[in-house]
């Protein structure tokens, strides 16, 4: 069994002087978001509030996922959570079994969460005359990318290979911030959308989510993300997929 070369002690960069200011910005972002949503709900006419409340009660799973995403984001200011993140990350990125064939497989598998893979899927669905689904995949992918980039800009979390000097990186060192994982959010969005669109059973749904979970795991294995980045990406992708299925009936008005 090839376990790779013996690793030297891990060196971690010292926290920057702006550590607390970044954490305050993260907390402020969540508070402002919650406050804005509450004020918007109060501002709405009574009939509109009733419709929104009815929709939320019908999509309780969506509310739970949004709450979970907020908790994971808030946990970024928890120093013990960061230490646990590092331990789990190093467990899968540096230690354990690593070989060339496994590295190659993980690198290929992680590309399933790439935007290019989503656009290829949309093209295939369009050619198979699933025009509405193709449009949903493209619009969902682009809007989700914008949302992920906005959250990354606010949370301002560095990727593991920036702070952990001896991170194993499979492939190239990706640019941008770390939280949440864009690849993971993308693949969970697609799988959730497909499950709702085709009304798949338990077995098929479990298989698709297993593929999505594999992609999420590869993001840690290739050294691109911490575990909490992946968890947040999975939750956000599921939320986006559910939202896409909720607005699906309205596409009929556009003739799709």
C-alpha atoms as a PDB file:
ATOM      1  CA  UNK A   1       0.000   0.000   0.000  1.00  0.00           C
ATOM      2  CA  UNK A   2       1.428   3.324  -1.073  1.00  0.00           C
ATOM      3  CA  UNK A   3       0.995   5.863   1.722  1.00  0.00           C
ATOM      4  CA  UNK A   4       3.272   8.462   0.126  1.00  0.00           C
ATOM      5  CA  UNK A   5       6.421  10.004   1.534  1.00  0.00           C
ATOM      6  CA  UNK A   6       6.776  10.696   5.229  1.00  0.00           C
ATOM      7  CA  UNK A   7       5.348  14.109   6.041  1.00  0.00           C
ATOM      8  CA  UNK A   8       7.137  16.804   7.978  1.00  0.00           C
ATOM      9  CA  UNK A   9       5.359  18.592  10.834  1.00  0.00           C
ATOM     10  CA  UNK A  10       2.572  20.831   9.598  1.00  0.00           C
ATOM     11  CA  UNK A  11       3.253  24.541   9.719  1.00  0.00           C
ATOM     12  CA  UNK A  12       0.281  26.839  10.000  1.00  0.00           C
ATOM     13  CA  UNK A  13       0.418  30.509   9.205  1.00  0.00           C
ATOM     14  CA  UNK A  14      -0.142  32.824  12.129  1.00  0.00           C
ATOM     15  CA  UNK A  15      -3.526  34.570  12.123  1.00  0.00           C
ATOM     16  CA  UNK A  16      -3.422  37.920  10.407  1.00  0.00           C
ATOM     17  CA  UNK A  17      -4.002  41.153  12.246  1.00  0.00           C
ATOM     18  CA  UNK A  18      -7.408  41.459  10.604  1.00  0.00           C
ATOM     19  CA  UNK A  19      -8.666  38.135  12.067  1.00  0.00           C
ATOM     20  CA  UNK A  20     -11.175  39.706  14.412  1.00  0.00           C
ATOM     21  CA  UNK A  21     -12.292  42.312  11.905  1.00  0.00           C
ATOM     22  CA  UNK A  22     -13.058  39.513   9.415  1.00  0.00           C
ATOM     23  CA  UNK A  23     -15.087  37.635  12.030  1.00  0.00           C
ATOM     24  CA  UNK A  24     -16.983  40.798  12.916  1.00  0.00           C
ATOM     25  CA  UNK A  25     -17.761  41.310   9.223  1.00  0.00           C
ATOM     26  CA  UNK A  26     -19.110  37.773   8.958  1.00  0.00           C
ATOM     27  CA  UNK A  27     -21.352  38.249  11.976  1.00  0.00           C
ATOM     28  CA  UNK A  28     -22.480  41.656  10.743  1.00  0.00           C
ATOM     29  CA  UNK A  29     -23.349  40.137   7.362  1.00  0.00           C
ATOM     30  CA  UNK A  30     -25.624  37.557   8.971  1.00  0.00           C
ATOM     31  CA  UNK A  31     -27.276  40.111  11.253  1.00  0.00           C
ATOM     32  CA  UNK A  32     -27.884  42.515   8.367  1.00  0.00           C
ATOM     33  CA  UNK A  33     -29.305  39.723   6.229  1.00  0.00           C
ATOM     34  CA  UNK A  34     -31.717  38.578   8.933  1.00  0.00           C
ATOM     35  CA  UNK A  35     -32.725  42.155   9.753  1.00  0.00           C
ATOM     36  CA  UNK A  36     -33.346  42.931   6.081  1.00  0.00           C
ATOM     37  CA  UNK A  37     -35.516  39.853   5.629  1.00  0.00           C
ATOM     38  CA  UNK A  38     -37.559  40.667   8.736  1.00  0.00           C
ATOM     39  CA  UNK A  39     -38.077  44.279   7.653  1.00  0.00           C
ATOM     40  CA  UNK A  40     -39.038  43.158   4.159  1.00  0.00           C
ATOM     41  CA  UNK A  41     -41.574  40.717   5.585  1.00  0.00           C
ATOM     42  CA  UNK A  42     -43.086  43.470   7.780  1.00  0.00           C
ATOM     43  CA  UNK A  43     -43.200  45.897   4.835  1.00  0.00           C
ATOM     44  CA  UNK A  44     -45.157  43.505   2.624  1.00  0.00           C
ATOM     45  CA  UNK A  45     -48.958  43.915   2.414  1.00  0.00           C
ATOM     46  CA  UNK A  46     -50.957  41.571   4.611  1.00  0.00           C
ATOM     47  CA  UNK A  47     -52.050  39.371   1.691  1.00  0.00           C
ATOM     48  CA  UNK A  48     -48.474  39.053   0.455  1.00  0.00           C
ATOM     49  CA  UNK A  49     -47.278  38.126   3.951  1.00  0.00           C
ATOM     50  CA  UNK A  50     -49.939  35.434   4.101  1.00  0.00           C
ATOM     51  CA  UNK A  51     -48.760  33.993   0.764  1.00  0.00           C
ATOM     52  CA  UNK A  52     -45.127  34.023   1.865  1.00  0.00           C
ATOM     53  CA  UNK A  53     -45.989  32.331   5.138  1.00  0.00           C
ATOM     54  CA  UNK A  54     -47.997  29.671   3.316  1.00  0.00           C
ATOM     55  CA  UNK A  55     -45.111  29.016   0.933  1.00  0.00           C
ATOM     56  CA  UNK A  56     -42.655  28.693   3.820  1.00  0.00           C
ATOM     57  CA  UNK A  57     -44.926  26.247   5.621  1.00  0.00           C
ATOM     58  CA  UNK A  58     -45.156  24.184   2.427  1.00  0.00           C
ATOM     59  CA  UNK A  59     -41.352  24.178   2.082  1.00  0.00           C
ATOM     60  CA  UNK A  60     -40.265  23.492   5.647  1.00  0.00           C
ATOM     61  CA  UNK A  61     -37.238  21.599   4.415  1.00  0.00           C
ATOM     62  CA  UNK A  62     -36.049  24.742   2.645  1.00  0.00           C
ATOM     63  CA  UNK A  63     -36.347  26.757   5.848  1.00  0.00           C
ATOM     64  CA  UNK A  64     -34.374  24.134   7.768  1.00  0.00           C
ATOM     65  CA  UNK A  65     -31.618  24.155   5.136  1.00  0.00           C
ATOM     66  CA  UNK A  66     -31.380  27.950   5.195  1.00  0.00           C
ATOM     67  CA  UNK A  67     -31.116  27.868   8.983  1.00  0.00           C
ATOM     68  CA  UNK A  68     -28.404  25.198   8.744  1.00  0.00           C
ATOM     69  CA  UNK A  69     -26.441  27.279   6.224  1.00  0.00           C
ATOM     70  CA  UNK A  70     -26.625  30.268   8.575  1.00  0.00           C
ATOM     71  CA  UNK A  71     -25.323  28.134  11.450  1.00  0.00           C
ATOM     72  CA  UNK A  72     -22.399  26.801   9.420  1.00  0.00           C
ATOM     73  CA  UNK A  73     -21.524  30.334   8.305  1.00  0.00           C
ATOM     74  CA  UNK A  74     -21.758  31.628  11.859  1.00  0.00           C
ATOM     75  CA  UNK A  75     -19.493  28.804  13.037  1.00  0.00           C
ATOM     76  CA  UNK A  76     -16.604  30.387  11.102  1.00  0.00           C
ATOM     77  CA  UNK A  77     -16.050  32.743  14.040  1.00  0.00           C
ATOM     78  CA  UNK A  78     -15.635  29.728  16.350  1.00  0.00           C
ATOM     79  CA  UNK A  79     -11.918  29.053  16.841  1.00  0.00           C
ATOM     80  CA  UNK A  80     -12.503  25.475  18.030  1.00  0.00           C
ATOM     81  CA  UNK A  81     -14.421  24.836  14.823  1.00  0.00           C
ATOM     82  CA  UNK A  82     -11.411  25.971  12.809  1.00  0.00           C
ATOM     83  CA  UNK A  83      -9.126  23.583  14.692  1.00  0.00           C
ATOM     84  CA  UNK A  84     -11.523  20.706  14.029  1.00  0.00           C
ATOM     85  CA  UNK A  85     -11.731  21.744  10.377  1.00  0.00           C
ATOM     86  CA  UNK A  86      -7.942  21.568  10.094  1.00  0.00           C
ATOM     87  CA  UNK A  87      -7.745  18.155  11.751  1.00  0.00           C
ATOM     88  CA  UNK A  88     -10.353  16.613   9.470  1.00  0.00           C
ATOM     89  CA  UNK A  89      -8.837  18.295   6.429  1.00  0.00           C
ATOM     90  CA  UNK A  90      -5.352  16.960   7.169  1.00  0.00           C
ATOM     91  CA  UNK A  91      -6.756  13.499   7.834  1.00  0.00           C
ATOM     92  CA  UNK A  92      -7.969  13.177   4.257  1.00  0.00           C
ATOM     93  CA  UNK A  93      -5.549  15.468   2.438  1.00  0.00           C
ATOM     94  CA  UNK A  94      -2.208  14.355   3.878  1.00  0.00           C
ATOM     95  CA  UNK A  95      -2.644  11.145   5.823  1.00  0.00           C
ATOM     96  CA  UNK A  96      -3.990   7.760   4.845  1.00  0.00           C
ATOM     97  CA  UNK A  97      -3.822   6.016   1.498  1.00  0.00           C
ATOM     98  CA  UNK A  98      -2.690   8.068  -1.515  1.00  0.00           C
ATOM     99  CA  UNK A  99      -1.623   6.751  -4.885  1.00  0.00           C
ATOM    100  CA  UNK A 100      -1.357   8.066  -8.420  1.00  0.00           C
ATOM    101  CA  UNK A 101      -4.465   6.263  -9.633  1.00  0.00           C
ATOM    102  CA  UNK A 102      -6.513   7.506  -6.661  1.00  0.00           C
ATOM    103  CA  UNK A 103      -5.234  11.068  -7.106  1.00  0.00           C
ATOM    104  CA  UNK A 104      -6.159  10.903 -10.787  1.00  0.00           C
ATOM    105  CA  UNK A 105      -9.625   9.515 -10.046  1.00  0.00           C
ATOM    106  CA  UNK A 106     -10.310  12.202  -7.430  1.00  0.00           C
ATOM    107  CA  UNK A 107      -9.155  14.950  -9.789  1.00  0.00           C
ATOM    108  CA  UNK A 108     -11.481  13.692 -12.537  1.00  0.00           C
ATOM    109  CA  UNK A 109     -14.398  13.226 -10.131  1.00  0.00           C
ATOM    110  CA  UNK A 110     -14.060  16.751  -8.765  1.00  0.00           C
ATOM    111  CA  UNK A 111     -14.626  18.152 -12.273  1.00  0.00           C
ATOM    112  CA  UNK A 112     -18.276  17.016 -12.071  1.00  0.00           C
ATOM    113  CA  UNK A 113     -18.852  20.110  -9.953  1.00  0.00           C
ATOM    114  CA  UNK A 114     -17.368  22.384 -12.585  1.00  0.00           C
ATOM    115  CA  UNK A 115     -19.590  24.902 -14.388  1.00  0.00           C
ATOM    116  CA  UNK A 116     -18.440  23.417 -17.679  1.00  0.00           C
ATOM    117  CA  UNK A 117     -19.947  20.057 -16.693  1.00  0.00           C
ATOM    118  CA  UNK A 118     -23.247  21.807 -15.928  1.00  0.00           C
ATOM    119  CA  UNK A 119     -23.262  23.543 -19.307  1.00  0.00           C
ATOM    120  CA  UNK A 120     -22.549  20.218 -21.041  1.00  0.00           C
ATOM    121  CA  UNK A 121     -25.485  18.679 -19.180  1.00  0.00           C
ATOM    122  CA  UNK A 122     -27.719  21.587 -20.233  1.00  0.00           C
ATOM    123  CA  UNK A 123     -26.688  21.097 -23.866  1.00  0.00           C
ATOM    124  CA  UNK A 124     -27.521  17.389 -23.703  1.00  0.00           C
ATOM    125  CA  UNK A 125     -30.946  18.081 -22.190  1.00  0.00           C
ATOM    126  CA  UNK A 126     -31.643  20.726 -24.832  1.00  0.00           C
ATOM    127  CA  UNK A 127     -30.779  18.276 -27.631  1.00  0.00           C
ATOM    128  CA  UNK A 128     -33.057  15.685 -26.008  1.00  0.00           C
ATOM    129  CA  UNK A 129     -35.891  18.241 -26.145  1.00  0.00           C
ATOM    130  CA  UNK A 130     -35.875  18.990 -22.406  1.00  0.00           C
ATOM    131  CA  UNK A 131     -35.733  22.714 -23.104  1.00  0.00           C
ATOM    132  CA  UNK A 132     -37.174  23.851 -19.782  1.00  0.00           C
ATOM    133  CA  UNK A 133     -34.719  21.751 -17.805  1.00  0.00           C
ATOM    134  CA  UNK A 134     -31.816  23.022 -19.917  1.00  0.00           C
ATOM    135  CA  UNK A 135     -32.802  26.619 -19.191  1.00  0.00           C
ATOM    136  CA  UNK A 136     -33.164  25.869 -15.473  1.00  0.00           C
ATOM    137  CA  UNK A 137     -29.698  24.302 -15.382  1.00  0.00           C
ATOM    138  CA  UNK A 138     -28.081  27.291 -17.109  1.00  0.00           C
ATOM    139  CA  UNK A 139     -29.874  29.993 -15.111  1.00  0.00           C
ATOM    140  CA  UNK A 140     -29.497  28.086 -11.863  1.00  0.00           C
ATOM    141  CA  UNK A 141     -25.787  27.552 -12.466  1.00  0.00           C
ATOM    142  CA  UNK A 142     -25.099  31.205 -13.262  1.00  0.00           C
ATOM    143  CA  UNK A 143     -27.161  32.629 -10.385  1.00  0.00           C
ATOM    144  CA  UNK A 144     -25.711  30.110  -7.938  1.00  0.00           C
ATOM    145  CA  UNK A 145     -22.196  31.076  -9.046  1.00  0.00           C
ATOM    146  CA  UNK A 146     -22.975  34.737  -8.364  1.00  0.00           C
ATOM    147  CA  UNK A 147     -24.383  33.885  -4.930  1.00  0.00           C
ATOM    148  CA  UNK A 148     -21.394  31.719  -4.015  1.00  0.00           C
ATOM    149  CA  UNK A 149     -18.953  34.444  -5.075  1.00  0.00           C
ATOM    150  CA  UNK A 150     -20.868  37.019  -3.021  1.00  0.00           C
ATOM    151  CA  UNK A 151     -20.746  34.825   0.094  1.00  0.00           C
ATOM    152  CA  UNK A 152     -17.045  34.136  -0.485  1.00  0.00           C
ATOM    153  CA  UNK A 153     -16.328  37.860  -0.686  1.00  0.00           C
ATOM    154  CA  UNK A 154     -18.112  38.481   2.622  1.00  0.00           C
ATOM    155  CA  UNK A 155     -16.745  35.519   4.604  1.00  0.00           C
ATOM    156  CA  UNK A 156     -13.216  36.105   3.235  1.00  0.00           C
ATOM    157  CA  UNK A 157     -11.906  32.650   4.184  1.00  0.00           C
ATOM    158  CA  UNK A 158      -8.534  31.662   2.763  1.00  0.00           C
ATOM    159  CA  UNK A 159      -8.116  28.291   1.077  1.00  0.00           C
ATOM    160  CA  UNK A 160      -6.284  25.564   3.036  1.00  0.00           C
ATOM    161  CA  UNK A 161      -3.102  25.723   0.958  1.00  0.00           C
ATOM    162  CA  UNK A 162      -2.758  29.410   1.856  1.00  0.00           C
ATOM    163  CA  UNK A 163      -2.662  28.860   5.630  1.00  0.00           C
ATOM    164  CA  UNK A 164      -1.497  25.230   5.825  1.00  0.00           C
ATOM    165  CA  UNK A 165       1.908  25.325   4.203  1.00  0.00           C
ATOM    166  CA  UNK A 166       2.227  21.624   3.392  1.00  0.00           C
ATOM    167  CA  UNK A 167      -1.182  20.963   1.929  1.00  0.00           C
ATOM    168  CA  UNK A 168      -1.239  18.342  -0.837  1.00  0.00           C
ATOM    169  CA  UNK A 169      -2.778  20.019  -3.873  1.00  0.00           C
ATOM    170  CA  UNK A 170      -3.944  17.760  -6.689  1.00  0.00           C
ATOM    171  CA  UNK A 171      -4.095  19.737  -9.918  1.00  0.00           C
ATOM    172  CA  UNK A 172      -3.836  23.500  -9.884  1.00  0.00           C
ATOM    173  CA  UNK A 173      -4.151  25.934  -6.969  1.00  0.00           C
ATOM    174  CA  UNK A 174      -7.530  27.541  -7.487  1.00  0.00           C
ATOM    175  CA  UNK A 175      -7.991  31.251  -7.007  1.00  0.00           C
ATOM    176  CA  UNK A 176     -10.531  32.979  -4.822  1.00  0.00           C
ATOM    177  CA  UNK A 177     -11.770  32.342  -1.307  1.00  0.00           C
ATOM    178  CA  UNK A 178     -12.744  29.049   0.270  1.00  0.00           C
ATOM    179  CA  UNK A 179     -16.203  29.338   1.871  1.00  0.00           C
ATOM    180  CA  UNK A 180     -18.466  27.891   0.546  1.00  0.00           C
ATOM    181  CA  UNK A 181     -17.306  25.265  -1.963  1.00  0.00           C
ATOM    182  CA  UNK A 182     -18.561  26.248  -5.410  1.00  0.00           C
ATOM    183  CA  UNK A 183     -18.057  22.784  -6.929  1.00  0.00           C
ATOM    184  CA  UNK A 184     -20.011  21.168  -4.098  1.00  0.00           C
ATOM    185  CA  UNK A 185     -22.864  23.658  -4.289  1.00  0.00           C
ATOM    186  CA  UNK A 186     -23.044  23.168  -8.065  1.00  0.00           C
ATOM    187  CA  UNK A 187     -23.255  19.368  -7.984  1.00  0.00           C
ATOM    188  CA  UNK A 188     -25.819  19.330  -5.142  1.00  0.00           C
ATOM    189  CA  UNK A 189     -27.886  21.901  -7.026  1.00  0.00           C
ATOM    190  CA  UNK A 190     -27.926  19.724 -10.139  1.00  0.00           C
ATOM    191  CA  UNK A 191     -28.749  16.514  -8.283  1.00  0.00           C
ATOM    192  CA  UNK A 192     -31.548  18.160  -6.291  1.00  0.00           C
ATOM    193  CA  UNK A 193     -32.960  19.684  -9.474  1.00  0.00           C
ATOM    194  CA  UNK A 194     -32.880  16.342 -11.322  1.00  0.00           C
ATOM    195  CA  UNK A 195     -34.509  14.498  -8.420  1.00  0.00           C
ATOM    196  CA  UNK A 196     -37.411  16.964  -8.260  1.00  0.00           C
ATOM    197  CA  UNK A 197     -37.731  17.349 -12.020  1.00  0.00           C
ATOM    198  CA  UNK A 198     -37.941  13.610 -12.768  1.00  0.00           C
ATOM    199  CA  UNK A 199     -39.664  12.664  -9.491  1.00  0.00           C
ATOM    200  CA  UNK A 200     -37.019  10.031  -8.765  1.00  0.00           C
ATOM    201  CA  UNK A 201     -37.483   7.336  -6.153  1.00  0.00           C
ATOM    202  CA  UNK A 202     -35.451   6.740  -3.024  1.00  0.00           C
ATOM    203  CA  UNK A 203     -32.855   4.496  -4.670  1.00  0.00           C
ATOM    204  CA  UNK A 204     -32.121   6.789  -7.606  1.00  0.00           C
ATOM    205  CA  UNK A 205     -32.100   9.853  -5.339  1.00  0.00           C
ATOM    206  CA  UNK A 206     -29.638   8.189  -2.959  1.00  0.00           C
ATOM    207  CA  UNK A 207     -27.387   7.290  -5.914  1.00  0.00           C
ATOM    208  CA  UNK A 208     -27.343  10.879  -7.207  1.00  0.00           C
ATOM    209  CA  UNK A 209     -26.639  12.314  -3.772  1.00  0.00           C
ATOM    210  CA  UNK A 210     -23.879   9.740  -3.318  1.00  0.00           C
ATOM    211  CA  UNK A 211     -22.220  11.110  -6.463  1.00  0.00           C
ATOM    212  CA  UNK A 212     -22.649  14.651  -5.113  1.00  0.00           C
ATOM    213  CA  UNK A 213     -21.151  13.608  -1.765  1.00  0.00           C
ATOM    214  CA  UNK A 214     -18.182  12.087  -3.595  1.00  0.00           C
ATOM    215  CA  UNK A 215     -17.570  15.381  -5.389  1.00  0.00           C
ATOM    216  CA  UNK A 216     -17.760  17.190  -2.056  1.00  0.00           C
ATOM    217  CA  UNK A 217     -15.234  14.780  -0.554  1.00  0.00           C
ATOM    218  CA  UNK A 218     -12.863  15.299  -3.485  1.00  0.00           C
ATOM    219  CA  UNK A 219     -12.739  19.024  -2.713  1.00  0.00           C
ATOM    220  CA  UNK A 220     -11.058  18.167   0.593  1.00  0.00           C
ATOM    221  CA  UNK A 221      -8.927  15.392  -0.901  1.00  0.00           C
ATOM    222  CA  UNK A 222      -7.463  17.621  -3.638  1.00  0.00           C
ATOM    223  CA  UNK A 223      -6.618  20.312  -1.069  1.00  0.00           C
ATOM    224  CA  UNK A 224      -9.066  22.983  -2.279  1.00  0.00           C
ATOM    225  CA  UNK A 225     -11.487  23.263   0.660  1.00  0.00           C
ATOM    226  CA  UNK A 226     -12.040  22.672   4.354  1.00  0.00           C
ATOM    227  CA  UNK A 227     -14.855  20.316   5.451  1.00  0.00           C
ATOM    228  CA  UNK A 228     -17.117  23.195   6.533  1.00  0.00           C
ATOM    229  CA  UNK A 229     -16.763  24.745   3.071  1.00  0.00           C
ATOM    230  CA  UNK A 230     -18.095  21.499   1.629  1.00  0.00           C
ATOM    231  CA  UNK A 231     -20.960  21.235   4.131  1.00  0.00           C
ATOM    232  CA  UNK A 232     -22.045  24.795   3.398  1.00  0.00           C
ATOM    233  CA  UNK A 233     -21.780  24.196  -0.352  1.00  0.00           C
ATOM    234  CA  UNK A 234     -23.942  21.070  -0.105  1.00  0.00           C
ATOM    235  CA  UNK A 235     -26.629  22.889   1.880  1.00  0.00           C
ATOM    236  CA  UNK A 236     -26.605  25.897  -0.451  1.00  0.00           C
ATOM    237  CA  UNK A 237     -26.803  23.676  -3.531  1.00  0.00           C
ATOM    238  CA  UNK A 238     -29.813  21.817  -2.128  1.00  0.00           C
ATOM    239  CA  UNK A 239     -31.514  25.120  -1.333  1.00  0.00           C
ATOM    240  CA  UNK A 240     -30.950  26.342  -4.885  1.00  0.00           C
ATOM    241  CA  UNK A 241     -32.247  23.080  -6.342  1.00  0.00           C
ATOM    242  CA  UNK A 242     -35.421  23.252  -4.248  1.00  0.00           C
ATOM    243  CA  UNK A 243     -35.982  26.869  -5.246  1.00  0.00           C
ATOM    244  CA  UNK A 244     -35.580  25.924  -8.913  1.00  0.00           C
ATOM    245  CA  UNK A 245     -38.207  23.193  -8.528  1.00  0.00           C
ATOM    246  CA  UNK A 246     -40.560  25.647  -6.793  1.00  0.00           C
ATOM    247  CA  UNK A 247     -40.466  28.122  -9.707  1.00  0.00           C
ATOM    248  CA  UNK A 248     -40.594  25.314 -12.308  1.00  0.00           C
ATOM    249  CA  UNK A 249     -44.365  25.666 -12.973  1.00  0.00           C
ATOM    250  CA  UNK A 250     -43.928  29.345 -13.904  1.00  0.00           C
ATOM    251  CA  UNK A 251     -41.718  28.470 -16.877  1.00  0.00           C
ATOM    252  CA  UNK A 252     -44.848  27.334 -18.691  1.00  0.00           C
ATOM    253  CA  UNK A 253     -45.943  30.958 -18.956  1.00  0.00           C
ATOM    254  CA  UNK A 254     -42.828  31.605 -21.041  1.00  0.00           C
ATOM    255  CA  UNK A 255     -43.686  28.812 -23.446  1.00  0.00           C
ATOM    256  CA  UNK A 256     -40.839  26.541 -22.338  1.00  0.00           C
END
